[in-house]
Amino acid sequence: MTLLIVKIICMKKFVVERYLPGAENLTPEELQFISKTSCEVIDKLGKPYYWIQSFVTTDKIYCIHIAESVEAVREHARLGKIPVNTISEVKAVIDPLTSDLLSAG
C-alpha cells in the first residue's frame, strides 16, 4: 500500500510598501540589483513564494507578492536586507471590469 500525503498551501496576495528616499532616482543597474537580490532570496526560501511586480514612486517602492503569510514576506525582506514599512493583505481586487460584472445579470 502506498500512502500519499498532500499538503494544501493557502497563498495570499500582499502589497508591500518600502520607504526608500530617492527611489525615483535609482539607476537601471540599481533596480537590476534589487530585482536579482529578491529573486535569489526567493530561491533560498524553500517554500512557495512569488514576487509579481513592483512600482517605483518618488520615495517608495510598492511590491506585489504572493505568499503563505505576512511572516513569509517579512522573512523574504530580512534575508534580502530589503526595507519593509507595511505589509497589507489584499482582500479584493477591483478594476474597470468590476462595474460591468456587477451590472450584468
PDB file of N, CA and C in Angstrom:
ATOM      1  N   MET A   1       0.849  -1.183   0.000  1.00  0.00           N
ATOM      2  CA  MET A   1       0.000   0.000   0.000  1.00  0.00           C
ATOM      3  C   MET A   1       0.893   1.244   0.000  1.00  0.00           C
ATOM      4  N   THR A   2       0.564   2.186  -0.848  1.00  0.00           N
ATOM      5  CA  THR A   2       1.297   3.438  -0.931  1.00  0.00           C
ATOM      6  C   THR A   2       0.464   4.529  -0.277  1.00  0.00           C
ATOM      7  N   LEU A   3       1.100   5.282   0.581  1.00  0.00           N
ATOM      8  CA  LEU A   3       0.427   6.377   1.272  1.00  0.00           C
ATOM      9  C   LEU A   3       0.867   7.683   0.638  1.00  0.00           C
ATOM     10  N   LEU A   4      -0.072   8.474   0.189  1.00  0.00           N
ATOM     11  CA  LEU A   4       0.213   9.760  -0.427  1.00  0.00           C
ATOM     12  C   LEU A   4      -0.273  10.857   0.506  1.00  0.00           C
ATOM     13  N   ILE A   5       0.638  11.708   0.908  1.00  0.00           N
ATOM     14  CA  ILE A   5       0.283  12.829   1.776  1.00  0.00           C
ATOM     15  C   ILE A   5       0.323  14.096   0.939  1.00  0.00           C
ATOM     16  N   VAL A   6      -0.760  14.827   0.955  1.00  0.00           N
ATOM     17  CA  VAL A   6      -0.873  16.055   0.183  1.00  0.00           C
ATOM     18  C   VAL A   6      -1.012  17.218   1.153  1.00  0.00           C
ATOM     19  N   LYS A   7      -0.172  18.208   0.968  1.00  0.00           N
ATOM     20  CA  LYS A   7      -0.255  19.415   1.792  1.00  0.00           C
ATOM     21  C   LYS A   7      -0.861  20.525   0.947  1.00  0.00           C
ATOM     22  N   ILE A   8      -1.947  21.073   1.411  1.00  0.00           N
ATOM     23  CA  ILE A   8      -2.598  22.171   0.706  1.00  0.00           C
ATOM     24  C   ILE A   8      -2.073  23.483   1.294  1.00  0.00           C
ATOM     25  N   ILE A   9      -1.554  24.309   0.414  1.00  0.00           N
ATOM     26  CA  ILE A   9      -0.983  25.582   0.842  1.00  0.00           C
ATOM     27  C   ILE A   9      -1.911  26.706   0.389  1.00  0.00           C
ATOM     28  N   CYS A  10      -2.319  27.514   1.328  1.00  0.00           N
ATOM     29  CA  CYS A  10      -3.196  28.642   1.037  1.00  0.00           C
ATOM     30  C   CYS A  10      -2.321  29.883   0.825  1.00  0.00           C
ATOM     31  N   MET A  11      -2.312  30.372  -0.385  1.00  0.00           N
ATOM     32  CA  MET A  11      -1.484  31.536  -0.711  1.00  0.00           C
ATOM     33  C   MET A  11      -2.345  32.798  -0.654  1.00  0.00           C
ATOM     34  N   LYS A  12      -1.719  33.888  -0.236  1.00  0.00           N
ATOM     35  CA  LYS A  12      -2.392  35.182  -0.140  1.00  0.00           C
ATOM     36  C   LYS A  12      -1.590  36.206  -0.927  1.00  0.00           C
ATOM     37  N   LYS A  13      -2.270  37.247  -1.376  1.00  0.00           N
ATOM     38  CA  LYS A  13      -1.602  38.323  -2.102  1.00  0.00           C
ATOM     39  C   LYS A  13      -1.381  39.494  -1.141  1.00  0.00           C
ATOM     40  N   PHE A  14      -0.186  40.073  -1.200  1.00  0.00           N
ATOM     41  CA  PHE A  14       0.178  41.182  -0.324  1.00  0.00           C
ATOM     42  C   PHE A  14       0.708  42.370  -1.123  1.00  0.00           C
ATOM     43  N   VAL A  15       0.398  43.564  -0.624  1.00  0.00           N
ATOM     44  CA  VAL A  15       1.026  44.784  -1.112  1.00  0.00           C
ATOM     45  C   VAL A  15       2.051  45.177  -0.051  1.00  0.00           C
ATOM     46  N   VAL A  16       3.305  45.281  -0.480  1.00  0.00           N
ATOM     47  CA  VAL A  16       4.405  45.601   0.433  1.00  0.00           C
ATOM     48  C   VAL A  16       4.880  47.007   0.127  1.00  0.00           C
ATOM     49  N   GLU A  17       4.863  47.866   1.148  1.00  0.00           N
ATOM     50  CA  GLU A  17       5.332  49.240   0.987  1.00  0.00           C
ATOM     51  C   GLU A  17       6.735  49.349   1.570  1.00  0.00           C
ATOM     52  N   ARG A  18       7.646  49.853   0.743  1.00  0.00           N
ATOM     53  CA  ARG A  18       9.033  50.020   1.175  1.00  0.00           C
ATOM     54  C   ARG A  18       9.409  51.491   1.018  1.00  0.00           C
ATOM     55  N   TYR A  19       9.716  52.146   2.130  1.00  0.00           N
ATOM     56  CA  TYR A  19      10.142  53.545   2.080  1.00  0.00           C
ATOM     57  C   TYR A  19      11.616  53.582   1.710  1.00  0.00           C
ATOM     58  N   LEU A  20      11.923  54.215   0.601  1.00  0.00           N
ATOM     59  CA  LEU A  20      13.284  54.292   0.103  1.00  0.00           C
ATOM     60  C   LEU A  20      13.495  55.692  -0.471  1.00  0.00           C
ATOM     61  N   PRO A  21      13.989  56.633   0.356  1.00  0.00           N
ATOM     62  CA  PRO A  21      14.169  58.008  -0.117  1.00  0.00           C
ATOM     63  C   PRO A  21      14.952  58.051  -1.429  1.00  0.00           C
ATOM     64  N   GLY A  22      14.416  58.801  -2.388  1.00  0.00           N
ATOM     65  CA  GLY A  22      15.079  58.934  -3.677  1.00  0.00           C
ATOM     66  C   GLY A  22      14.878  57.749  -4.602  1.00  0.00           C
ATOM     67  N   ALA A  23      13.886  56.905  -4.325  1.00  0.00           N
ATOM     68  CA  ALA A  23      13.652  55.705  -5.142  1.00  0.00           C
ATOM     69  C   ALA A  23      13.521  56.040  -6.622  1.00  0.00           C
ATOM     70  N   GLU A  24      12.939  57.196  -6.915  1.00  0.00           N
ATOM     71  CA  GLU A  24      12.747  57.582  -8.320  1.00  0.00           C
ATOM     72  C   GLU A  24      14.070  57.780  -9.059  1.00  0.00           C
ATOM     73  N   ASN A  25      15.160  57.958  -8.316  1.00  0.00           N
ATOM     74  CA  ASN A  25      16.468  58.195  -8.929  1.00  0.00           C
ATOM     75  C   ASN A  25      17.329  56.938  -9.043  1.00  0.00           C
ATOM     76  N   LEU A  26      16.772  55.790  -8.680  1.00  0.00           N
ATOM     77  CA  LEU A  26      17.540  54.552  -8.798  1.00  0.00           C
ATOM     78  C   LEU A  26      17.897  54.313 -10.268  1.00  0.00           C
ATOM     79  N   THR A  27      19.127  53.913 -10.494  1.00  0.00           N
ATOM     80  CA  THR A  27      19.581  53.646 -11.858  1.00  0.00           C
ATOM     81  C   THR A  27      19.065  52.279 -12.317  1.00  0.00           C
ATOM     82  N   PRO A  28      19.088  52.027 -13.606  1.00  0.00           N
ATOM     83  CA  PRO A  28      18.707  50.692 -14.084  1.00  0.00           C
ATOM     84  C   PRO A  28      19.556  49.595 -13.442  1.00  0.00           C
ATOM     85  N   GLU A  29      20.829  49.867 -13.209  1.00  0.00           N
ATOM     86  CA  GLU A  29      21.708  48.890 -12.566  1.00  0.00           C
ATOM     87  C   GLU A  29      21.292  48.635 -11.117  1.00  0.00           C
ATOM     88  N   GLU A  30      20.918  49.685 -10.410  1.00  0.00           N
ATOM     89  CA  GLU A  30      20.466  49.527  -9.024  1.00  0.00           C
ATOM     90  C   GLU A  30      19.147  48.751  -8.963  1.00  0.00           C
ATOM     91  N   LEU A  31      18.235  49.050  -9.882  1.00  0.00           N
ATOM     92  CA  LEU A  31      16.963  48.319  -9.935  1.00  0.00           C
ATOM     93  C   LEU A  31      17.213  46.847 -10.278  1.00  0.00           C
ATOM     94  N   GLN A  32      18.155  46.603 -11.159  1.00  0.00           N
ATOM     95  CA  GLN A  32      18.500  45.223 -11.516  1.00  0.00           C
ATOM     96  C   GLN A  32      19.074  44.489 -10.308  1.00  0.00           C
ATOM     97  N   PHE A  33      19.914  45.163  -9.526  1.00  0.00           N
ATOM     98  CA  PHE A  33      20.496  44.559  -8.325  1.00  0.00           C
ATOM     99  C   PHE A  33      19.405  44.206  -7.320  1.00  0.00           C
ATOM    100  N   ILE A  34      18.464  45.124  -7.103  1.00  0.00           N
ATOM    101  CA  ILE A  34      17.353  44.877  -6.176  1.00  0.00           C
ATOM    102  C   ILE A  34      16.537  43.677  -6.659  1.00  0.00           C
ATOM    103  N   SER A  35      16.247  43.646  -7.952  1.00  0.00           N
ATOM    104  CA  SER A  35      15.475  42.556  -8.533  1.00  0.00           C
ATOM    105  C   SER A  35      16.203  41.222  -8.379  1.00  0.00           C
ATOM    106  N   LYS A  36      17.474  41.215  -8.676  1.00  0.00           N
ATOM    107  CA  LYS A  36      18.271  39.990  -8.574  1.00  0.00           C
ATOM    108  C   LYS A  36      18.313  39.492  -7.127  1.00  0.00           C
ATOM    109  N   THR A  37      18.514  40.414  -6.195  1.00  0.00           N
ATOM    110  CA  THR A  37      18.547  40.055  -4.779  1.00  0.00           C
ATOM    111  C   THR A  37      17.238  39.405  -4.357  1.00  0.00           C
ATOM    112  N   SER A  38      16.111  40.008  -4.752  1.00  0.00           N
ATOM    113  CA  SER A  38      14.807  39.465  -4.392  1.00  0.00           C
ATOM    114  C   SER A  38      14.635  38.061  -4.959  1.00  0.00           C
ATOM    115  N   CYS A  39      15.002  37.863  -6.209  1.00  0.00           N
ATOM    116  CA  CYS A  39      14.857  36.538  -6.845  1.00  0.00           C
ATOM    117  C   CYS A  39      15.752  35.499  -6.182  1.00  0.00           C
ATOM    118  N   GLU A  40      16.964  35.882  -5.826  1.00  0.00           N
ATOM    119  CA  GLU A  40      17.879  34.945  -5.157  1.00  0.00           C
ATOM    120  C   GLU A  40      17.332  34.518  -3.803  1.00  0.00           C
ATOM    121  N   VAL A  41      16.750  35.466  -3.067  1.00  0.00           N
ATOM    122  CA  VAL A  41      16.176  35.146  -1.760  1.00  0.00           C
ATOM    123  C   VAL A  41      14.982  34.209  -1.923  1.00  0.00           C
ATOM    124  N   ILE A  42      14.157  34.455  -2.917  1.00  0.00           N
ATOM    125  CA  ILE A  42      13.002  33.578  -3.154  1.00  0.00           C
ATOM    126  C   ILE A  42      13.474  32.153  -3.403  1.00  0.00           C
ATOM    127  N   ASP A  43      14.543  32.002  -4.176  1.00  0.00           N
ATOM    128  CA  ASP A  43      15.091  30.666  -4.441  1.00  0.00           C
ATOM    129  C   ASP A  43      15.558  29.976  -3.162  1.00  0.00           C
ATOM    130  N   LYS A  44      16.060  30.754  -2.202  1.00  0.00           N
ATOM    131  CA  LYS A  44      16.589  30.196  -0.953  1.00  0.00           C
ATOM    132  C   LYS A  44      15.517  29.938   0.100  1.00  0.00           C
ATOM    133  N   LEU A  45      14.333  30.528  -0.063  1.00  0.00           N
ATOM    134  CA  LEU A  45      13.285  30.381   0.956  1.00  0.00           C
ATOM    135  C   LEU A  45      12.846  28.935   1.145  1.00  0.00           C
ATOM    136  N   GLY A  46      12.843  28.173   0.097  1.00  0.00           N
ATOM    137  CA  GLY A  46      12.439  26.776   0.212  1.00  0.00           C
ATOM    138  C   GLY A  46      10.954  26.576   0.443  1.00  0.00           C
ATOM    139  N   LYS A  47      10.163  27.562   0.052  1.00  0.00           N
ATOM    140  CA  LYS A  47       8.711  27.450   0.186  1.00  0.00           C
ATOM    141  C   LYS A  47       8.072  28.234  -0.954  1.00  0.00           C
ATOM    142  N   PRO A  48       6.806  27.963  -1.232  1.00  0.00           N
ATOM    143  CA  PRO A  48       6.140  28.706  -2.302  1.00  0.00           C
ATOM    144  C   PRO A  48       6.125  30.210  -1.990  1.00  0.00           C
ATOM    145  N   TYR A  49       6.605  30.984  -2.939  1.00  0.00           N
ATOM    146  CA  TYR A  49       6.674  32.439  -2.752  1.00  0.00           C
ATOM    147  C   TYR A  49       6.827  33.056  -4.129  1.00  0.00           C
ATOM    148  N   TYR A  50       6.025  34.079  -4.414  1.00  0.00           N
ATOM    149  CA  TYR A  50       6.061  34.707  -5.729  1.00  0.00           C
ATOM    150  C   TYR A  50       6.098  36.226  -5.602  1.00  0.00           C
ATOM    151  N   TRP A  51       7.040  36.818  -6.285  1.00  0.00           N
ATOM    152  CA  TRP A  51       7.091  38.274  -6.420  1.00  0.00           C
ATOM    153  C   TRP A  51       6.497  38.558  -7.785  1.00  0.00           C
ATOM    154  N   ILE A  52       5.414  39.316  -7.836  1.00  0.00           N
ATOM    155  CA  ILE A  52       4.704  39.558  -9.081  1.00  0.00           C
ATOM    156  C   ILE A  52       5.287  40.762  -9.817  1.00  0.00           C
ATOM    157  N   GLN A  53       5.353  41.901  -9.155  1.00  0.00           N
ATOM    158  CA  GLN A  53       5.932  43.102  -9.745  1.00  0.00           C
ATOM    159  C   GLN A  53       6.029  44.178  -8.679  1.00  0.00           C
ATOM    160  N   SER A  54       6.738  45.249  -9.029  1.00  0.00           N
ATOM    161  CA  SER A  54       6.896  46.380  -8.112  1.00  0.00           C
ATOM    162  C   SER A  54       6.705  47.681  -8.864  1.00  0.00           C
ATOM    163  N   PHE A  55       6.275  48.697  -8.134  1.00  0.00           N
ATOM    164  CA  PHE A  55       6.043  50.021  -8.683  1.00  0.00           C
ATOM    165  C   PHE A  55       6.939  51.006  -7.933  1.00  0.00           C
ATOM    166  N   VAL A  56       7.769  51.721  -8.657  1.00  0.00           N
ATOM    167  CA  VAL A  56       8.693  52.682  -8.055  1.00  0.00           C
ATOM    168  C   VAL A  56       8.065  54.068  -8.137  1.00  0.00           C
ATOM    169  N   THR A  57       7.968  54.736  -6.982  1.00  0.00           N
ATOM    170  CA  THR A  57       7.462  56.105  -6.928  1.00  0.00           C
ATOM    171  C   THR A  57       8.584  57.008  -6.426  1.00  0.00           C
ATOM    172  N   THR A  58       8.258  58.219  -6.079  1.00  0.00           N
ATOM    173  CA  THR A  58       9.270  59.188  -5.664  1.00  0.00           C
ATOM    174  C   THR A  58      10.154  58.658  -4.539  1.00  0.00           C
ATOM    175  N   ASP A  59       9.541  58.267  -3.445  1.00  0.00           N
ATOM    176  CA  ASP A  59      10.304  57.823  -2.272  1.00  0.00           C
ATOM    177  C   ASP A  59       9.886  56.446  -1.747  1.00  0.00           C
ATOM    178  N   LYS A  60       9.143  55.693  -2.543  1.00  0.00           N
ATOM    179  CA  LYS A  60       8.668  54.394  -2.090  1.00  0.00           C
ATOM    180  C   LYS A  60       8.669  53.399  -3.244  1.00  0.00           C
ATOM    181  N   ILE A  61       8.719  52.131  -2.874  1.00  0.00           N
ATOM    182  CA  ILE A  61       8.516  51.052  -3.830  1.00  0.00           C
ATOM    183  C   ILE A  61       7.376  50.197  -3.282  1.00  0.00           C
ATOM    184  N   TYR A  62       6.372  49.982  -4.110  1.00  0.00           N
ATOM    185  CA  TYR A  62       5.236  49.144  -3.744  1.00  0.00           C
ATOM    186  C   TYR A  62       5.373  47.831  -4.495  1.00  0.00           C
ATOM    187  N   CYS A  63       5.363  46.731  -3.762  1.00  0.00           N
ATOM    188  CA  CYS A  63       5.589  45.415  -4.353  1.00  0.00           C
ATOM    189  C   CYS A  63       4.372  44.524  -4.145  1.00  0.00           C
ATOM    190  N   ILE A  64       4.093  43.708  -5.147  1.00  0.00           N
ATOM    191  CA  ILE A  64       3.019  42.729  -5.057  1.00  0.00           C
ATOM    192  C   ILE A  64       3.666  41.361  -4.896  1.00  0.00           C
ATOM    193  N   HIS A  65       3.355  40.690  -3.798  1.00  0.00           N
ATOM    194  CA  HIS A  65       3.910  39.377  -3.503  1.00  0.00           C
ATOM    195  C   HIS A  65       2.772  38.406  -3.208  1.00  0.00           C
ATOM    196  N   ILE A  66       2.982  37.145  -3.530  1.00  0.00           N
ATOM    197  CA  ILE A  66       2.048  36.086  -3.163  1.00  0.00           C
ATOM    198  C   ILE A  66       2.817  35.125  -2.267  1.00  0.00           C
ATOM    199  N   ALA A  67       2.288  34.925  -1.059  1.00  0.00           N
ATOM    200  CA  ALA A  67       2.976  34.106  -0.066  1.00  0.00           C
ATOM    201  C   ALA A  67       1.942  33.498   0.881  1.00  0.00           C
ATOM    202  N   GLU A  68       2.418  32.594   1.740  1.00  0.00           N
ATOM    203  CA  GLU A  68       1.524  31.957   2.713  1.00  0.00           C
ATOM    204  C   GLU A  68       1.098  32.914   3.824  1.00  0.00           C
ATOM    205  N   SER A  69       1.992  33.845   4.187  1.00  0.00           N
ATOM    206  CA  SER A  69       1.709  34.673   5.357  1.00  0.00           C
ATOM    207  C   SER A  69       2.535  35.953   5.341  1.00  0.00           C
ATOM    208  N   VAL A  70       2.147  36.862   6.230  1.00  0.00           N
ATOM    209  CA  VAL A  70       2.928  38.087   6.440  1.00  0.00           C
ATOM    210  C   VAL A  70       4.330  37.716   6.903  1.00  0.00           C
ATOM    211  N   GLU A  71       4.425  36.681   7.736  1.00  0.00           N
ATOM    212  CA  GLU A  71       5.729  36.258   8.252  1.00  0.00           C
ATOM    213  C   GLU A  71       6.659  35.834   7.114  1.00  0.00           C
ATOM    214  N   ALA A  72       6.127  35.178   6.093  1.00  0.00           N
ATOM    215  CA  ALA A  72       6.945  34.780   4.939  1.00  0.00           C
ATOM    216  C   ALA A  72       7.440  36.000   4.187  1.00  0.00           C
ATOM    217  N   VAL A  73       6.610  37.015   4.066  1.00  0.00           N
ATOM    218  CA  VAL A  73       7.021  38.264   3.400  1.00  0.00           C
ATOM    219  C   VAL A  73       8.121  38.944   4.210  1.00  0.00           C
ATOM    220  N   ARG A  74       7.958  38.963   5.533  1.00  0.00           N
ATOM    221  CA  ARG A  74       8.993  39.561   6.394  1.00  0.00           C
ATOM    222  C   ARG A  74      10.305  38.776   6.302  1.00  0.00           C
ATOM    223  N   GLU A  75      10.220  37.452   6.231  1.00  0.00           N
ATOM    224  CA  GLU A  75      11.429  36.638   6.110  1.00  0.00           C
ATOM    225  C   GLU A  75      12.144  36.941   4.796  1.00  0.00           C
ATOM    226  N   HIS A  76      11.404  37.088   3.726  1.00  0.00           N
ATOM    227  CA  HIS A  76      11.984  37.449   2.427  1.00  0.00           C
ATOM    228  C   HIS A  76      12.735  38.773   2.541  1.00  0.00           C
ATOM    229  N   ALA A  77      12.108  39.757   3.166  1.00  0.00           N
ATOM    230  CA  ALA A  77      12.730  41.072   3.326  1.00  0.00           C
ATOM    231  C   ALA A  77      13.981  40.992   4.205  1.00  0.00           C
ATOM    232  N   ARG A  78      13.888  40.239   5.292  1.00  0.00           N
ATOM    233  CA  ARG A  78      15.027  40.121   6.216  1.00  0.00           C
ATOM    234  C   ARG A  78      16.224  39.467   5.533  1.00  0.00           C
ATOM    235  N   LEU A  79      15.976  38.373   4.838  1.00  0.00           N
ATOM    236  CA  LEU A  79      17.075  37.663   4.180  1.00  0.00           C
ATOM    237  C   LEU A  79      17.714  38.494   3.070  1.00  0.00           C
ATOM    238  N   GLY A  80      16.895  39.316   2.405  1.00  0.00           N
ATOM    239  CA  GLY A  80      17.415  40.147   1.327  1.00  0.00           C
ATOM    240  C   GLY A  80      17.903  41.509   1.780  1.00  0.00           C
ATOM    241  N   LYS A  81      17.753  41.770   3.091  1.00  0.00           N
ATOM    242  CA  LYS A  81      18.123  43.082   3.644  1.00  0.00           C
ATOM    243  C   LYS A  81      17.395  44.195   2.889  1.00  0.00           C
ATOM    244  N   ILE A  82      16.111  43.944   2.655  1.00  0.00           N
ATOM    245  CA  ILE A  82      15.250  44.877   1.923  1.00  0.00           C
ATOM    246  C   ILE A  82      14.305  45.518   2.932  1.00  0.00           C
ATOM    247  N   PRO A  83      14.210  46.852   2.955  1.00  0.00           N
ATOM    248  CA  PRO A  83      13.336  47.502   3.938  1.00  0.00           C
ATOM    249  C   PRO A  83      11.854  47.185   3.698  1.00  0.00           C
ATOM    250  N   VAL A  84      11.114  47.102   4.795  1.00  0.00           N
ATOM    251  CA  VAL A  84       9.660  46.913   4.735  1.00  0.00           C
ATOM    252  C   VAL A  84       9.034  47.880   5.723  1.00  0.00           C
ATOM    253  N   ASN A  85       8.077  48.668   5.251  1.00  0.00           N
ATOM    254  CA  ASN A  85       7.368  49.565   6.154  1.00  0.00           C
ATOM    255  C   ASN A  85       5.994  49.027   6.508  1.00  0.00           C
ATOM    256  N   THR A  86       5.256  48.610   5.502  1.00  0.00           N
ATOM    257  CA  THR A  86       3.952  47.999   5.774  1.00  0.00           C
ATOM    258  C   THR A  86       3.735  46.814   4.832  1.00  0.00           C
ATOM    259  N   ILE A  87       2.986  45.846   5.331  1.00  0.00           N
ATOM    260  CA  ILE A  87       2.568  44.697   4.532  1.00  0.00           C
ATOM    261  C   ILE A  87       1.063  44.600   4.719  1.00  0.00           C
ATOM    262  N   SER A  88       0.334  44.698   3.616  1.00  0.00           N
ATOM    263  CA  SER A  88      -1.128  44.643   3.674  1.00  0.00           C
ATOM    264  C   SER A  88      -1.628  43.498   2.820  1.00  0.00           C
ATOM    265  N   GLU A  89      -2.472  42.649   3.418  1.00  0.00           N
ATOM    266  CA  GLU A  89      -3.068  41.555   2.655  1.00  0.00           C
ATOM    267  C   GLU A  89      -4.169  42.107   1.755  1.00  0.00           C
ATOM    268  N   VAL A  90      -4.157  41.712   0.508  1.00  0.00           N
ATOM    269  CA  VAL A  90      -5.193  42.115  -0.444  1.00  0.00           C
ATOM    270  C   VAL A  90      -6.447  41.300  -0.145  1.00  0.00           C
ATOM    271  N   LYS A  91      -7.543  41.993   0.072  1.00  0.00           N
ATOM    272  CA  LYS A  91      -8.809  41.331   0.397  1.00  0.00           C
ATOM    273  C   LYS A  91      -9.735  41.248  -0.815  1.00  0.00           C
ATOM    274  N   ALA A  92      -9.557  42.149  -1.773  1.00  0.00           N
ATOM    275  CA  ALA A  92     -10.364  42.144  -3.001  1.00  0.00           C
ATOM    276  C   ALA A  92      -9.604  42.929  -4.061  1.00  0.00           C
ATOM    277  N   VAL A  93      -9.910  42.634  -5.302  1.00  0.00           N
ATOM    278  CA  VAL A  93      -9.317  43.356  -6.423  1.00  0.00           C
ATOM    279  C   VAL A  93     -10.457  43.904  -7.260  1.00  0.00           C
ATOM    280  N   ILE A  94     -10.379  45.184  -7.559  1.00  0.00           N
ATOM    281  CA  ILE A  94     -11.378  45.792  -8.432  1.00  0.00           C
ATOM    282  C   ILE A  94     -10.657  46.456  -9.595  1.00  0.00           C
ATOM    283  N   ASP A  95     -11.361  46.555 -10.700  1.00  0.00           N
ATOM    284  CA  ASP A  95     -10.840  47.222 -11.885  1.00  0.00           C
ATOM    285  C   ASP A  95     -12.042  47.636 -12.728  1.00  0.00           C
ATOM    286  N   PRO A  96     -11.832  48.208 -13.909  1.00  0.00           N
ATOM    287  CA  PRO A  96     -12.987  48.636 -14.715  1.00  0.00           C
ATOM    288  C   PRO A  96     -13.966  47.505 -15.037  1.00  0.00           C
ATOM    289  N   LEU A  97     -13.478  46.287 -15.137  1.00  0.00           N
ATOM    290  CA  LEU A  97     -14.392  45.173 -15.416  1.00  0.00           C
ATOM    291  C   LEU A  97     -15.334  44.880 -14.261  1.00  0.00           C
ATOM    292  N   THR A  98     -14.944  45.272 -13.054  1.00  0.00           N
ATOM    293  CA  THR A  98     -15.803  45.039 -11.891  1.00  0.00           C
ATOM    294  C   THR A  98     -17.181  45.670 -12.089  1.00  0.00           C
ATOM    295  N   SER A  99     -17.231  46.880 -12.622  1.00  0.00           N
ATOM    296  CA  SER A  99     -18.514  47.559 -12.806  1.00  0.00           C
ATOM    297  C   SER A  99     -19.385  46.816 -13.819  1.00  0.00           C
ATOM    298  N   ASP A 100     -18.782  46.295 -14.863  1.00  0.00           N
ATOM    299  CA  ASP A 100     -19.551  45.554 -15.863  1.00  0.00           C
ATOM    300  C   ASP A 100     -20.062  44.230 -15.309  1.00  0.00           C
ATOM    301  N   LEU A 101     -19.241  43.561 -14.520  1.00  0.00           N
ATOM    302  CA  LEU A 101     -19.634  42.268 -13.975  1.00  0.00           C
ATOM    303  C   LEU A 101     -20.788  42.411 -12.985  1.00  0.00           C
ATOM    304  N   LEU A 102     -20.764  43.494 -12.213  1.00  0.00           N
ATOM    305  CA  LEU A 102     -21.798  43.672 -11.211  1.00  0.00           C
ATOM    306  C   LEU A 102     -23.141  44.033 -11.840  1.00  0.00           C
ATOM    307  N   SER A 103     -23.111  44.716 -12.992  1.00  0.00           N
ATOM    308  CA  SER A 103     -24.377  45.115 -13.628  1.00  0.00           C
ATOM    309  C   SER A 103     -24.911  44.061 -14.591  1.00  0.00           C
ATOM    310  N   ALA A 104     -24.043  43.110 -14.985  1.00  0.00           N
ATOM    311  CA  ALA A 104     -24.509  42.057 -15.893  1.00  0.00           C
ATOM    312  C   ALA A 104     -25.343  41.049 -15.104  1.00  0.00           C
ATOM    313  N   GLY A 105     -26.431  40.698 -15.609  1.00  0.00           N
ATOM    314  CA  GLY A 105     -27.196  39.737 -14.842  1.00  0.00           C
ATOM    315  C   GLY A 105     -28.281  39.200 -15.598  1.00  0.00           C
TER     316      GLY A 105
END
